[in-house]
Amino acid sequence: MREARAYGTFGQHPEDRADFERALRLALDHDDIRPALRRDRTGRTATRLEVHARSAAEEIAAAADDEYRAYLAAREAAGDPGARSPGGARGAGSATADGTVRAAVAVLAPLVSAAAAAVLLLIGYGLRLAAPDVDPGASVATAGWTLAVLAVLTGGFSLWALASSALRRTSRANRAERARERWRHALLERGVLPYLRNRLLESEGRGALSRAAAGDGGEGELAGQFRELPNSRR
């Protein structure tokens, strides 16, 4: 069940394969694996292990499926579009568009207010200079100062909102990176290393049987036991 569930997710992103290759290299250089590989001076054992491991990458990755899904969730929370599934692309795109609109409003609101304040102040004080006794000049200048105060307030709020958003993105990116490291560790310890150990044990077991059969001319005790197995089942 875990294998089938992981097949639908692992390997959809280029960095998944890169992380798998990293785990495979670390496993091949592990203390449990390296001595066995060095005994084969031809290097064919290492090559066979790499080929078999790559062909079984999805099966191996299934051992770390929970960590992988947590990693994808952390990437999506950090705003990484590559972590989103096709089914959730529309909703994720809508959320991204909403965030873009809010950021644009936060930036433009103080700019528009400041520009309007500058225009009204110029008009107001221009009218007061041209006709000091005319009331509209003072009213326009007052409106300009009101907009100037509004521009300062909205500018301060926008700076706070942008700084808070940047801090949240940084925190989410850090969580995604930690989730990636946990997945890498689980992939190595619970996926790649056990797979390579089993393959080496199977290979050494077949080699021992072959050597025993060849040493006894096909009539050794071990070979005789394997030959007698079908008769004992009858």
Protein backbone atom coordinates (compact mmCIF):
# COMPACT_ATOMS: atom_id res chain seq x y z
CA MET A 1 0.00 0.00 0.00
CA ARG A 2 2.80 2.44 0.87
CA GLU A 3 4.58 1.67 -2.40
CA ALA A 4 1.49 2.37 -4.50
CA ARG A 5 0.86 5.60 -2.66
CA ALA A 6 4.41 6.84 -3.17
CA TYR A 7 4.50 5.99 -6.88
CA GLY A 8 2.08 8.82 -7.60
CA THR A 9 4.29 11.50 -6.07
CA PHE A 10 8.01 10.68 -6.00
CA GLY A 11 10.01 11.59 -9.07
CA GLN A 12 7.67 14.29 -10.41
CA HIS A 13 10.23 16.99 -9.61
CA PRO A 14 13.82 17.08 -10.93
CA GLU A 15 15.26 17.67 -7.46
CA ASP A 16 13.72 14.39 -6.25
CA ARG A 17 15.99 12.37 -8.52
CA ALA A 18 18.96 14.53 -7.56
CA ASP A 19 18.27 13.82 -3.88
CA PHE A 20 17.94 10.11 -4.62
CA GLU A 21 21.29 10.10 -6.44
CA ARG A 22 22.85 11.86 -3.46
CA ALA A 23 21.45 9.24 -1.08
CA LEU A 24 22.67 6.45 -3.38
CA ARG A 25 26.22 7.87 -3.45
CA LEU A 26 26.25 8.16 0.34
CA ALA A 27 24.96 4.61 0.71
CA LEU A 28 27.56 3.16 -1.64
CA ASP A 29 30.25 4.85 0.47
CA HIS A 30 28.73 3.67 3.75
CA ASP A 31 30.76 1.52 6.16
CA ASP A 32 28.34 -1.38 5.67
CA ILE A 33 28.52 -1.32 1.87
CA ARG A 34 31.99 -0.09 0.90
CA PRO A 35 33.99 -3.14 2.14
CA ALA A 36 31.77 -5.53 0.18
CA LEU A 37 32.22 -3.49 -2.97
CA ARG A 38 35.99 -3.34 -2.58
CA ARG A 39 36.20 -7.12 -2.59
CA ASP A 40 35.11 -7.01 -6.23
CA ARG A 41 38.09 -5.43 -7.96
CA THR A 42 36.27 -5.36 -11.30
CA GLY A 43 33.71 -2.86 -9.99
CA ARG A 44 30.86 -4.83 -11.51
CA THR A 45 29.13 -5.32 -8.17
CA ALA A 46 28.94 -1.57 -7.56
CA THR A 47 27.67 -0.99 -11.09
CA ARG A 48 24.97 -3.65 -10.72
CA LEU A 49 23.88 -2.21 -7.38
CA GLU A 50 23.56 1.28 -8.86
CA VAL A 51 21.54 0.01 -11.81
CA HIS A 52 19.19 -2.05 -9.63
CA ALA A 53 18.75 0.81 -7.13
CA ARG A 54 17.90 3.34 -9.84
CA SER A 55 15.37 1.00 -11.42
CA ALA A 56 13.73 0.49 -8.01
CA ALA A 57 13.87 4.17 -7.01
CA GLU A 58 10.13 4.51 -6.43
CA GLU A 59 9.97 1.33 -4.38
CA ILE A 60 12.93 2.49 -2.28
CA ALA A 61 11.45 5.98 -1.82
CA ALA A 62 8.23 4.44 -0.51
CA ALA A 63 10.05 3.66 2.74
CA ALA A 64 10.29 7.43 3.37
CA ASP A 65 6.86 8.32 2.00
CA ASP A 66 5.64 10.13 5.12
CA GLU A 67 8.70 12.38 5.23
CA TYR A 68 8.41 13.02 1.50
CA ARG A 69 4.79 14.14 1.77
CA ALA A 70 5.66 16.39 4.74
CA TYR A 71 8.46 17.86 2.61
CA LEU A 72 6.07 18.58 -0.27
CA ALA A 73 3.58 20.19 2.11
CA ALA A 74 6.33 22.40 3.56
CA ARG A 75 7.44 23.42 0.06
CA GLU A 76 3.90 24.32 -0.93
CA ALA A 77 3.44 26.34 2.27
CA ALA A 78 6.63 28.20 1.37
CA GLY A 79 5.09 29.18 -1.96
CA ASP A 80 7.07 26.82 -4.17
CA PRO A 81 4.88 26.19 -7.26
CA GLY A 82 6.89 23.07 -8.13
CA ALA A 83 5.51 21.29 -5.07
CA ARG A 84 1.88 21.67 -6.08
CA SER A 85 -0.09 18.83 -7.53
CA PRO A 86 -1.93 19.40 -10.84
CA GLY A 87 -5.30 19.17 -9.09
CA GLY A 88 -4.41 21.96 -6.67
CA ALA A 89 -2.80 24.21 -9.25
CA ARG A 90 -5.93 26.33 -9.75
CA GLY A 91 -6.45 27.00 -6.05
CA ALA A 92 -2.77 27.66 -5.51
CA GLY A 93 -2.72 30.06 -8.47
CA SER A 94 -5.72 31.92 -7.03
CA ALA A 95 -3.98 32.28 -3.66
CA THR A 96 -0.84 33.54 -5.38
CA ALA A 97 -2.88 36.09 -7.35
CA ASP A 98 -4.56 37.32 -4.16
CA GLY A 99 -1.18 37.75 -2.49
CA THR A 100 0.12 39.67 -5.49
CA VAL A 101 -2.88 42.03 -5.42
CA ARG A 102 -2.44 42.70 -1.70
CA ALA A 103 1.27 43.44 -2.16
CA ALA A 104 0.52 45.81 -5.04
CA VAL A 105 -2.07 47.67 -2.97
CA ALA A 106 0.32 47.92 -0.03
CA VAL A 107 2.96 49.51 -2.26
CA LEU A 108 0.71 51.74 -4.37
CA ALA A 109 -1.56 53.13 -1.65
CA PRO A 110 1.05 55.32 0.05
CA LEU A 111 2.49 56.39 -3.32
CA VAL A 112 -0.92 57.49 -4.63
CA SER A 113 -1.71 59.26 -1.35
CA ALA A 114 1.63 61.09 -1.39
CA ALA A 115 1.19 62.13 -5.03
CA ALA A 116 -2.34 63.40 -4.39
CA ALA A 117 -1.17 65.25 -1.28
CA ALA A 118 1.61 66.95 -3.22
CA VAL A 119 -0.79 68.05 -5.96
CA LEU A 120 -3.36 69.41 -3.50
CA LEU A 121 -0.72 71.23 -1.47
CA LEU A 122 0.67 72.86 -4.60
CA ILE A 123 -2.79 73.92 -5.72
CA GLY A 124 -3.85 75.07 -2.26
CA TYR A 125 -0.77 77.15 -1.56
CA GLY A 126 -0.78 78.43 -5.15
CA LEU A 127 -4.34 79.68 -4.66
CA ARG A 128 -3.42 81.26 -1.31
CA LEU A 129 -0.49 83.07 -2.89
CA ALA A 130 -2.56 84.23 -5.84
CA ALA A 131 -5.58 85.26 -3.75
CA PRO A 132 -4.90 85.23 0.00
CA ASP A 133 -8.44 86.20 0.84
CA VAL A 134 -10.00 83.31 -1.09
CA ASP A 135 -11.13 80.45 1.20
CA PRO A 136 -10.84 77.51 -1.26
CA GLY A 137 -7.05 77.78 -1.21
CA ALA A 138 -6.94 77.05 2.52
CA SER A 139 -9.41 74.18 2.15
CA VAL A 140 -7.38 72.59 -0.64
CA ALA A 141 -4.18 72.94 1.39
CA THR A 142 -5.88 71.32 4.39
CA ALA A 143 -7.00 68.43 2.21
CA GLY A 144 -3.42 68.08 0.98
CA TRP A 145 -2.06 67.89 4.50
CA THR A 146 -4.69 65.30 5.37
CA LEU A 147 -3.58 63.16 2.43
CA ALA A 148 0.06 63.66 3.43
CA VAL A 149 -0.66 62.28 6.91
CA LEU A 150 -2.57 59.41 5.32
CA ALA A 151 0.41 58.70 3.04
CA VAL A 152 2.74 58.53 6.03
CA LEU A 153 0.41 56.17 7.90
CA THR A 154 -0.19 53.89 4.92
CA GLY A 155 3.52 53.93 4.13
CA GLY A 156 4.40 52.80 7.64
CA PHE A 157 1.75 50.08 7.54
CA SER A 158 2.98 48.90 4.13
CA LEU A 159 6.57 48.67 5.35
CA TRP A 160 5.43 46.65 8.37
CA ALA A 161 3.30 44.35 6.18
CA LEU A 162 6.11 43.77 3.68
CA ALA A 163 8.64 43.08 6.44
CA SER A 164 6.25 40.64 8.14
CA SER A 165 5.60 38.88 4.84
CA ALA A 166 9.33 38.56 4.14
CA LEU A 167 9.92 37.09 7.61
CA ARG A 168 7.09 34.59 7.12
CA ARG A 169 8.49 33.53 3.73
CA THR A 170 11.94 33.08 5.24
CA SER A 171 10.55 31.01 8.10
CA ARG A 172 8.56 28.81 5.71
CA ALA A 173 11.58 28.35 3.46
CA ASN A 174 13.64 27.26 6.47
CA ARG A 175 10.94 24.78 7.48
CA ALA A 176 10.88 23.40 3.94
CA GLU A 177 14.66 22.95 3.99
CA ARG A 178 14.50 21.14 7.34
CA ALA A 179 11.74 18.89 5.98
CA ARG A 180 13.91 18.14 2.96
CA GLU A 181 16.82 17.13 5.20
CA ARG A 182 14.52 14.84 7.22
CA TRP A 183 13.33 13.22 4.00
CA ARG A 184 16.90 12.78 2.74
CA HIS A 185 17.88 11.13 6.02
CA ALA A 186 14.88 8.79 5.98
CA LEU A 187 15.49 7.96 2.31
CA LEU A 188 19.07 6.97 3.10
CA GLU A 189 18.50 5.12 6.37
CA ARG A 190 15.18 3.41 5.68
CA GLY A 191 15.26 3.17 1.91
CA VAL A 192 18.58 2.99 0.08
CA LEU A 193 20.79 1.35 2.71
CA PRO A 194 18.39 -1.54 3.52
CA TYR A 195 17.86 -2.14 -0.20
CA LEU A 196 21.59 -2.31 -0.93
CA ARG A 197 22.20 -4.57 2.09
CA ASN A 198 19.53 -6.99 0.92
CA ARG A 199 20.90 -7.02 -2.62
CA LEU A 200 24.41 -7.74 -1.32
CA LEU A 201 23.14 -10.53 0.92
CA GLU A 202 21.28 -12.09 -2.00
CA SER A 203 24.36 -11.79 -4.21
CA GLU A 204 26.67 -13.28 -1.57
CA GLY A 205 24.20 -16.09 -0.91
CA ARG A 206 24.07 -17.03 -4.59
CA GLY A 207 27.85 -16.80 -4.77
CA ALA A 208 28.26 -19.13 -1.78
CA LEU A 209 25.91 -21.69 -3.32
CA SER A 210 27.76 -21.53 -6.63
CA ARG A 211 31.15 -21.97 -4.94
CA ALA A 212 29.87 -24.87 -2.85
CA ALA A 213 28.43 -26.62 -5.89
CA ALA A 214 31.59 -26.05 -7.95
CA GLY A 215 33.87 -27.21 -5.11
CA ASP A 216 32.01 -30.51 -4.72
CA GLY A 217 31.75 -31.18 -8.40
CA GLY A 218 28.01 -30.74 -8.21
CA GLU A 219 27.74 -33.57 -5.67
CA GLY A 220 28.57 -31.72 -2.42
CA GLU A 221 26.46 -31.91 0.68
CA LEU A 222 24.83 -28.48 0.13
CA ALA A 223 24.10 -29.20 -3.51
CA GLY A 224 22.72 -32.59 -2.55
CA GLN A 225 20.38 -31.00 -0.04
CA PHE A 226 19.01 -28.62 -2.67
CA ARG A 227 18.66 -31.49 -5.13
CA GLU A 228 16.74 -33.60 -2.62
CA LEU A 229 14.25 -30.85 -1.76
CA PRO A 230 11.80 -31.71 -4.55
CA ASN A 231 11.79 -35.40 -3.49
CA SER A 232 11.08 -34.53 0.13
CA ARG A 233 7.96 -32.58 -0.90
CA ARG A 234 6.41 -35.48 -2.75
